[in-house]
Protein backbone atom coordinates (compact mmCIF):
# COMPACT_ATOMS: atom_id res chain seq x y z
CA MET A 1 3.23 24.06 1.73
CA THR A 2 5.45 21.07 0.93
CA ARG A 3 3.89 18.67 -1.53
CA GLU A 4 4.37 14.91 -1.39
CA ARG A 5 6.25 14.87 -4.69
CA ASP A 6 8.80 17.34 -3.26
CA ILE A 7 9.73 15.02 -0.37
CA PRO A 8 12.57 12.56 -1.03
CA ALA A 9 11.64 8.94 -0.40
CA ARG A 10 13.56 7.20 2.36
CA TYR A 11 14.02 3.48 1.93
CA TRP A 12 16.31 0.57 2.65
CA THR A 13 18.07 -0.92 -0.38
CA TYR A 14 19.15 -4.56 -0.56
CA GLU A 15 21.42 -5.80 -3.35
CA LEU A 16 20.30 -9.29 -4.40
CA GLY A 17 22.93 -10.00 -7.05
CA GLU A 18 23.06 -10.01 -10.86
CA GLY A 19 21.67 -6.46 -11.07
CA TRP A 20 18.64 -7.09 -8.84
CA CYS A 21 17.78 -4.99 -5.79
CA ALA A 22 14.88 -4.59 -3.38
CA MET A 23 13.78 -1.26 -1.88
CA ALA A 24 11.63 -1.10 1.27
CA GLY A 25 9.88 2.08 2.46
CA LYS A 26 10.65 3.32 5.98
CA SER A 27 7.27 4.96 6.80
CA ASP A 28 3.74 5.23 5.42
CA LEU A 29 4.65 8.34 3.43
CA ASP A 30 7.84 6.66 2.19
CA ASN A 31 5.76 3.63 1.14
CA ASP A 32 3.63 5.89 -1.05
CA LEU A 33 6.69 7.57 -2.52
CA VAL A 34 8.48 4.25 -3.19
CA THR A 35 5.35 2.73 -4.74
CA PHE A 36 4.24 5.67 -6.85
CA ARG A 37 7.41 7.68 -7.53
CA VAL A 38 10.37 5.30 -7.37
CA ALA A 39 8.82 2.12 -8.78
CA ARG A 40 8.68 1.47 -12.49
CA GLN A 41 5.51 -0.09 -13.89
CA THR A 42 7.38 -3.34 -14.52
CA ASP A 43 8.93 -3.61 -11.04
CA HIS A 44 7.48 -6.22 -8.69
CA TRP A 45 5.66 -4.86 -5.61
CA PHE A 46 5.30 -6.68 -2.25
CA HIS A 47 3.42 -6.13 1.01
CA LEU A 48 2.48 -8.32 3.95
CA HIS A 49 -1.08 -9.55 3.42
CA GLY A 50 -3.61 -7.96 5.78
CA ALA A 51 -1.26 -6.23 8.24
CA PRO A 52 0.94 -3.11 8.43
CA GLY A 53 4.38 -3.17 6.85
CA SER A 54 6.71 -1.69 4.29
CA HIS A 55 6.03 -1.59 0.58
CA VAL A 56 8.88 -3.39 -1.17
CA ILE A 57 9.89 -2.97 -4.79
CA LEU A 58 11.97 -5.58 -6.63
CA ARG A 59 13.88 -4.12 -9.57
CA GLY A 60 16.14 -5.92 -12.00
CA PRO A 61 17.94 -5.35 -15.26
CA GLU A 62 15.71 -4.07 -18.07
CA GLY A 63 13.84 -6.98 -19.66
CA ALA A 64 15.03 -9.60 -17.14
CA GLU A 65 12.53 -12.01 -15.56
CA ALA A 66 12.58 -12.45 -11.78
CA THR A 67 13.19 -16.01 -10.60
CA ARG A 68 11.10 -17.64 -7.89
CA GLU A 69 14.09 -17.23 -5.53
CA LEU A 70 14.24 -13.47 -6.17
CA LEU A 71 10.49 -13.09 -5.65
CA GLU A 72 10.70 -15.03 -2.38
CA ALA A 73 13.72 -12.98 -1.22
CA ALA A 74 11.82 -9.72 -1.81
CA ALA A 75 8.71 -11.15 -0.11
CA ALA A 76 10.84 -12.15 2.90
CA ILE A 77 12.13 -8.55 3.10
CA ALA A 78 8.53 -7.26 3.06
CA ALA A 79 7.64 -9.69 5.85
CA TYR A 80 10.73 -8.64 7.83
CA HIS A 81 9.78 -4.94 7.61
CA SER A 82 6.28 -5.61 8.97
CA LYS A 83 4.36 -6.39 12.16
CA ALA A 84 4.97 -10.08 11.40
CA ARG A 85 8.78 -9.86 11.73
CA LYS A 86 8.89 -12.49 14.49
CA ALA A 87 6.33 -14.85 12.91
CA GLY A 88 6.87 -18.11 11.04
CA LEU A 89 5.48 -18.46 7.52
CA VAL A 90 3.48 -15.38 6.55
CA PRO A 91 1.49 -14.43 3.41
CA VAL A 92 2.92 -11.62 1.28
CA ASP A 93 1.05 -10.10 -1.65
CA CYS A 94 3.05 -9.80 -4.88
CA CYS A 95 2.16 -8.05 -8.13
CA LEU A 96 3.61 -5.73 -10.73
CA ALA A 97 3.78 -2.10 -9.61
CA LYS A 98 1.35 -1.17 -12.40
CA GLU A 99 -1.35 -3.20 -10.57
CA VAL A 100 -1.13 -0.93 -7.47
CA SER A 101 -3.19 2.24 -7.22
CA LYS A 102 -3.92 4.91 -4.64
CA PRO A 103 -7.61 5.36 -3.77
CA ARG A 104 -8.67 8.97 -3.25
CA HIS A 105 -8.78 10.38 0.28
CA VAL A 106 -7.06 7.48 2.05
CA PRO A 107 -4.13 7.76 4.48
CA ALA A 108 -0.53 7.48 3.36
CA GLY A 109 0.53 3.88 2.86
CA THR A 110 -2.95 2.69 1.88
CA VAL A 111 -3.25 1.19 -1.60
CA ALA A 112 -5.55 -0.92 -3.75
CA ILE A 113 -4.26 -3.91 -5.68
CA ALA A 114 -5.93 -4.90 -8.95
CA ARG A 115 -4.34 -8.35 -9.22
CA SER A 116 -1.87 -10.16 -7.02
CA ARG A 117 -0.62 -13.53 -5.94
CA THR A 118 0.36 -14.58 -2.45
CA LEU A 119 3.74 -16.00 -1.49
CA LYS A 120 4.27 -17.74 1.87
CA VAL A 121 7.68 -16.85 3.29
CA ARG A 122 9.60 -16.51 6.54
CA PRO A 123 10.55 -12.92 7.44
CA ALA A 124 14.24 -12.41 6.69
CA LEU A 125 16.84 -10.09 5.27
CA PRO A 126 19.20 -11.27 2.51
CA PRO A 127 22.52 -12.85 3.55
CA GLY A 128 25.04 -10.19 4.57
CA TYR A 129 22.43 -7.73 5.89
CA SER A 130 21.49 -7.27 9.53
CA ALA A 131 18.83 -5.33 11.40
């Protein structure tokens, strides 16, 4: 039997400049793998508030602080890879990856967040990327 940890995560990667990148899971299983296997504890984690969508990880150079613009860019990617892709301003939950946990016996892609803040963004990909 193949175990979840033996499956490679599939995700989109977006280069945001100055050593920063965002990674968005392609399926529920990939969301779990990106969130719990790829993400570092200090990476930022994003997900559309209250609706299905990709888990997005924002990773930067070791010790660097994410700017508001970087956080909003990653949140916009999370909104784009969600059911709200065609919407206007949408709420996206943001927290550090260490604040995300997996409850027992829940489907792939389902998580619990200990602490988060909400960013309101328009769904979009970074300049230079297309659907």
